[in-house]
Amino acid sequence: MSDGVRINKFLASCGLGSRRGCEEIVSHGRVTVNGKVVTDLATRILPDDAIKVDGKRVWSGEETTILLYKPKGHICTKEDTHDRTTIYDLLPGRFQRLNYVGRLDKESEGLLLLTSSGEVSQTLTHPKHKIEKEYEVVIDRPLEKDHAEKMVEGIHTAEGIATAERVEVLGQRRVSVVLKQGLKRQIRLMFGKFDYKVKKLVRVRIGELIAPTMKAGDWVELDEEGIELAMTNPPKPKKPKDAV
């Protein structure tokens, strides 16, 4: 809601007790909002407010899932000891608690989910669910057909056997790769096995979820329909001429 929620209701949603019990926490001066002690029970909490109880940050227990278009140059981590730019630098305060689901490396861009839901995270990352992720890859020279076939068959890499679900040539140096795995730097490792240099790597689909109008740095909070799309694979397509 644009006018926020009452402070006792917010604290109760954080698991700190009943609303009446949370009123006592406020009255005793144990709560700060954006660094200032608050004792007024009429205080309303807005989405970007930073709330601490006894000096520790608290978060609403409501489940949240967002879709972020990760730009190139940002890393997927909550804390970086080298002071590099992270995906959380792109997000407002209320999303800092969310966990990213399936990272993209620093040089890659595209769709990335962040969630507080264990169910969403489990469905998207556990191997048994095999949720598809589609990537558009620009390489330094045309892809040879036998190399594409080997990617589908499986390639031994330092991270394990890397296998693509589908590989389709989109243009002279543009390739679509669909994965159901999530090995570290998997696509770069697969192309690197055949001495291709990856010039650009973009994740364009998660499950059935696409967002063609999103730009680097954009984010959107997903409703139930959007979450369901991300956790559902599309029907298996007919095999195009240039796919393996």
Protein backbone atom coordinates (compact mmCIF):
# COMPACT_ATOMS: atom_id res chain seq x y z
CA MET A 1 0.00 0.00 0.00
CA SER A 2 1.25 3.47 -0.77
CA ASP A 3 0.56 4.74 2.78
CA GLY A 4 2.35 1.79 4.37
CA VAL A 5 1.27 -0.46 7.23
CA ARG A 6 1.04 0.25 10.95
CA ILE A 7 4.25 -0.47 12.78
CA ASN A 8 2.74 -3.14 15.05
CA LYS A 9 1.37 -5.05 12.05
CA PHE A 10 4.73 -4.86 10.30
CA LEU A 11 6.63 -6.15 13.34
CA ALA A 12 4.13 -8.98 13.78
CA SER A 13 4.73 -10.01 10.15
CA CYS A 14 8.44 -10.24 11.04
CA GLY A 15 7.60 -12.95 13.58
CA LEU A 16 8.19 -10.77 16.67
CA GLY A 17 4.92 -11.69 18.39
CA SER A 18 1.30 -10.57 18.44
CA ARG A 19 0.35 -7.06 17.41
CA ARG A 20 -0.26 -6.15 21.05
CA GLY A 21 3.13 -7.59 22.01
CA CYS A 22 4.76 -5.62 19.20
CA GLU A 23 3.15 -2.44 20.52
CA GLU A 24 5.07 -2.95 23.76
CA ILE A 25 8.33 -3.38 21.80
CA VAL A 26 7.68 -0.01 20.17
CA SER A 27 6.59 1.71 23.38
CA HIS A 28 9.80 0.62 25.12
CA GLY A 29 11.90 2.42 22.50
CA ARG A 30 13.43 -0.74 21.05
CA VAL A 31 12.56 0.09 17.41
CA THR A 32 14.30 2.41 14.96
CA VAL A 33 12.97 3.45 11.56
CA ASN A 34 15.66 4.71 9.21
CA GLY A 35 18.00 5.22 12.17
CA LYS A 36 15.56 7.11 14.43
CA VAL A 37 13.92 5.67 17.56
CA VAL A 38 10.16 5.46 17.12
CA THR A 39 7.65 5.11 19.97
CA ASP A 40 4.51 6.38 18.22
CA LEU A 41 2.18 3.43 17.63
CA ALA A 42 0.52 5.30 14.76
CA THR A 43 3.77 5.15 12.73
CA ARG A 44 3.29 3.57 9.34
CA ILE A 45 6.04 1.61 7.61
CA LEU A 46 6.75 2.20 3.91
CA PRO A 47 8.35 -0.40 1.58
CA ASP A 48 11.80 1.24 1.53
CA ASP A 49 12.03 1.90 5.28
CA ALA A 50 14.86 0.24 7.23
CA ILE A 51 13.54 -1.22 10.50
CA LYS A 52 15.71 -2.41 13.38
CA VAL A 53 14.72 -3.97 16.69
CA ASP A 54 17.37 -3.88 19.41
CA GLY A 55 19.85 -2.83 16.74
CA LYS A 56 19.17 -5.73 14.36
CA ARG A 57 17.49 -5.35 10.97
CA VAL A 58 14.12 -7.09 10.65
CA TRP A 59 12.14 -7.99 7.54
CA SER A 60 8.50 -8.67 6.84
CA GLY A 61 7.69 -12.37 6.58
CA GLU A 62 5.68 -11.87 3.39
CA GLU A 63 7.14 -13.84 0.48
CA THR A 64 8.46 -11.76 -2.38
CA THR A 65 9.88 -12.69 -5.78
CA ILE A 66 11.28 -10.20 -8.28
CA LEU A 67 12.67 -10.43 -11.79
CA LEU A 68 15.80 -8.36 -12.39
CA TYR A 69 17.53 -7.66 -15.67
CA LYS A 70 21.14 -7.99 -14.50
CA PRO A 71 23.53 -5.68 -16.35
CA LYS A 72 27.01 -6.71 -17.39
CA GLY A 73 29.58 -5.74 -14.78
CA HIS A 74 27.50 -6.55 -11.69
CA ILE A 75 28.26 -9.61 -9.60
CA CYS A 76 25.82 -11.93 -7.84
CA THR A 77 26.71 -11.69 -4.15
CA LYS A 78 25.30 -10.03 -1.05
CA GLU A 79 28.68 -9.05 0.37
CA ASP A 80 31.83 -8.42 -1.63
CA THR A 81 35.14 -7.91 0.12
CA HIS A 82 36.66 -6.29 -2.98
CA ASP A 83 34.09 -3.47 -3.09
CA ARG A 84 32.80 -4.47 -6.52
CA THR A 85 29.38 -3.51 -7.83
CA THR A 86 26.72 -6.10 -6.97
CA ILE A 87 23.17 -6.76 -8.10
CA TYR A 88 21.94 -5.49 -4.73
CA ASP A 89 23.24 -2.02 -5.59
CA LEU A 90 20.42 -1.92 -8.15
CA LEU A 91 17.63 -2.72 -5.69
CA PRO A 92 15.72 -0.73 -3.06
CA GLY A 93 16.10 -1.55 0.62
CA ARG A 94 13.11 -3.85 0.88
CA PHE A 95 14.70 -6.30 -1.57
CA GLN A 96 18.11 -6.55 0.10
CA ARG A 97 17.00 -9.67 1.99
CA LEU A 98 16.08 -11.59 -1.17
CA ASN A 99 18.27 -14.44 -2.39
CA TYR A 100 19.24 -14.74 -6.04
CA VAL A 101 18.30 -17.98 -7.79
CA GLY A 102 20.92 -19.25 -10.23
CA ARG A 103 23.66 -16.68 -10.60
CA LEU A 104 24.94 -14.97 -13.73
CA ASP A 105 28.67 -14.25 -13.88
CA LYS A 106 30.03 -10.70 -13.96
CA GLU A 107 30.33 -10.51 -17.75
CA SER A 108 26.86 -11.94 -18.41
CA GLU A 109 23.52 -10.15 -18.41
CA GLY A 110 19.82 -10.90 -18.53
CA LEU A 111 17.00 -12.30 -16.45
CA LEU A 112 17.66 -13.19 -12.83
CA LEU A 113 15.15 -14.11 -10.13
CA LEU A 114 15.51 -13.07 -6.51
CA THR A 115 13.14 -14.47 -3.90
CA SER A 116 12.39 -15.01 -0.22
CA SER A 117 10.44 -18.17 -1.07
CA GLY A 118 12.11 -21.48 -0.35
CA GLU A 119 9.66 -23.22 -2.67
CA VAL A 120 10.53 -20.99 -5.62
CA SER A 121 14.24 -21.36 -5.01
CA GLN A 122 14.01 -25.15 -4.63
CA THR A 123 11.93 -25.59 -7.78
CA LEU A 124 14.28 -23.50 -9.90
CA THR A 125 17.56 -24.96 -8.64
CA HIS A 126 16.97 -28.62 -7.77
CA PRO A 127 18.11 -30.91 -10.61
CA LYS A 128 14.96 -33.04 -10.48
CA HIS A 129 12.79 -30.16 -11.73
CA LYS A 130 14.97 -29.43 -14.77
CA ILE A 131 13.65 -25.93 -15.37
CA GLU A 132 14.90 -24.52 -18.67
CA LYS A 133 16.98 -21.38 -19.00
CA GLU A 134 17.55 -19.96 -22.48
CA TYR A 135 20.54 -17.84 -23.45
CA GLU A 136 21.46 -15.86 -26.53
CA VAL A 137 25.19 -16.06 -27.14
CA VAL A 138 27.37 -14.04 -29.50
CA ILE A 139 30.63 -15.78 -30.40
CA ASP A 140 33.68 -14.78 -32.41
CA ARG A 141 33.05 -17.05 -35.41
CA PRO A 142 30.24 -19.20 -36.88
CA LEU A 143 29.36 -22.29 -34.85
CA GLU A 144 30.25 -25.58 -36.49
CA LYS A 145 27.46 -28.15 -36.54
CA ASP A 146 29.50 -30.97 -35.01
CA HIS A 147 30.48 -28.72 -32.10
CA ALA A 148 26.81 -27.95 -31.45
CA GLU A 149 26.02 -31.66 -31.53
CA LYS A 150 28.75 -32.39 -29.00
CA MET A 151 27.35 -29.74 -26.67
CA VAL A 152 24.02 -31.55 -26.69
CA GLU A 153 25.70 -34.93 -26.19
CA GLY A 154 27.72 -33.62 -23.23
CA ILE A 155 31.22 -32.22 -22.73
CA HIS A 156 33.67 -32.94 -19.93
CA THR A 157 34.63 -29.74 -18.13
CA ALA A 158 36.31 -28.81 -14.86
CA GLU A 159 32.83 -28.39 -13.35
CA GLY A 160 31.55 -31.77 -14.57
CA ILE A 161 29.77 -33.00 -17.68
CA ALA A 162 28.12 -29.98 -19.27
CA THR A 163 25.11 -30.73 -21.46
CA ALA A 164 22.90 -28.39 -23.46
CA GLU A 165 19.24 -29.24 -23.97
CA ARG A 166 19.19 -27.51 -27.36
CA VAL A 167 21.57 -25.44 -29.48
CA GLU A 168 20.18 -23.36 -32.34
CA VAL A 169 21.99 -21.06 -34.76
CA LEU A 170 20.22 -17.68 -34.91
CA GLY A 171 22.65 -15.87 -37.17
CA GLN A 172 26.22 -15.95 -38.41
CA ARG A 173 27.64 -15.62 -34.89
CA ARG A 174 24.48 -15.67 -32.76
CA VAL A 175 23.42 -18.87 -31.04
CA SER A 176 20.52 -19.86 -28.77
CA VAL A 177 21.45 -22.28 -26.00
CA VAL A 178 18.89 -23.93 -23.70
CA LEU A 179 20.11 -25.45 -20.45
CA LYS A 180 18.51 -27.52 -17.73
CA GLN A 181 21.76 -27.60 -15.77
CA GLY A 182 23.40 -24.87 -13.77
CA LEU A 183 27.13 -25.56 -13.74
CA LYS A 184 29.38 -22.61 -12.99
CA ARG A 185 30.17 -20.66 -16.19
CA GLN A 186 28.72 -23.59 -18.12
CA ILE A 187 28.14 -21.91 -21.47
CA ARG A 188 31.55 -20.23 -21.50
CA LEU A 189 33.18 -23.57 -20.66
CA MET A 190 31.30 -25.40 -23.44
CA PHE A 191 32.22 -22.89 -26.12
CA GLY A 192 35.74 -22.61 -24.75
CA LYS A 193 36.26 -26.34 -25.29
CA PHE A 194 36.16 -25.63 -29.02
CA ASP A 195 38.14 -22.38 -28.80
CA TYR A 196 35.20 -20.05 -29.35
CA LYS A 197 35.30 -16.72 -27.55
CA VAL A 198 32.01 -15.62 -26.03
CA LYS A 199 31.52 -11.95 -26.89
CA LYS A 200 28.09 -11.55 -25.27
CA LEU A 201 25.90 -13.79 -23.13
CA VAL A 202 22.29 -12.92 -22.25
CA ARG A 203 19.75 -15.01 -20.35
CA VAL A 204 16.46 -14.35 -22.13
CA ARG A 205 14.10 -16.92 -20.59
CA ILE A 206 13.50 -18.78 -17.32
CA GLY A 207 10.94 -21.56 -17.70
CA GLU A 208 8.19 -19.88 -19.71
CA LEU A 209 8.98 -16.43 -18.31
CA ILE A 210 10.32 -13.87 -20.78
CA ALA A 211 10.56 -10.09 -20.51
CA PRO A 212 11.56 -8.67 -23.91
CA THR A 213 10.94 -5.03 -22.92
CA MET A 214 13.13 -5.04 -19.81
CA LYS A 215 16.38 -3.11 -19.95
CA ALA A 216 19.59 -3.46 -17.93
CA GLY A 217 18.92 -2.56 -14.30
CA ASP A 218 15.12 -2.89 -14.56
CA TRP A 219 13.26 -4.99 -12.01
CA VAL A 220 9.65 -6.00 -11.50
CA GLU A 221 7.87 -7.72 -8.63
CA LEU A 222 6.23 -10.92 -9.87
CA ASP A 223 2.67 -11.95 -9.12
CA GLU A 224 1.57 -15.59 -8.82
CA GLU A 225 1.16 -15.91 -12.59
CA GLY A 226 4.68 -14.67 -13.25
CA ILE A 227 6.15 -17.01 -10.65
CA GLU A 228 4.27 -19.95 -12.13
CA LEU A 229 5.63 -19.13 -15.59
CA ALA A 230 9.18 -19.16 -14.23
CA MET A 231 8.63 -22.58 -12.67
CA THR A 232 7.07 -24.17 -15.78
CA ASN A 233 8.85 -25.42 -18.88
CA PRO A 234 7.29 -24.57 -22.26
CA PRO A 235 6.06 -27.36 -24.53
CA LYS A 236 8.93 -29.03 -26.33
CA PRO A 237 9.34 -27.21 -29.66
CA LYS A 238 9.57 -28.85 -33.02
CA LYS A 239 13.19 -29.23 -34.02
CA PRO A 240 14.25 -26.45 -36.41
CA LYS A 241 16.65 -27.11 -39.23
CA ASP A 242 19.58 -25.45 -37.46
CA ALA A 243 18.93 -26.95 -34.03
CA VAL A 244 20.57 -30.03 -32.55
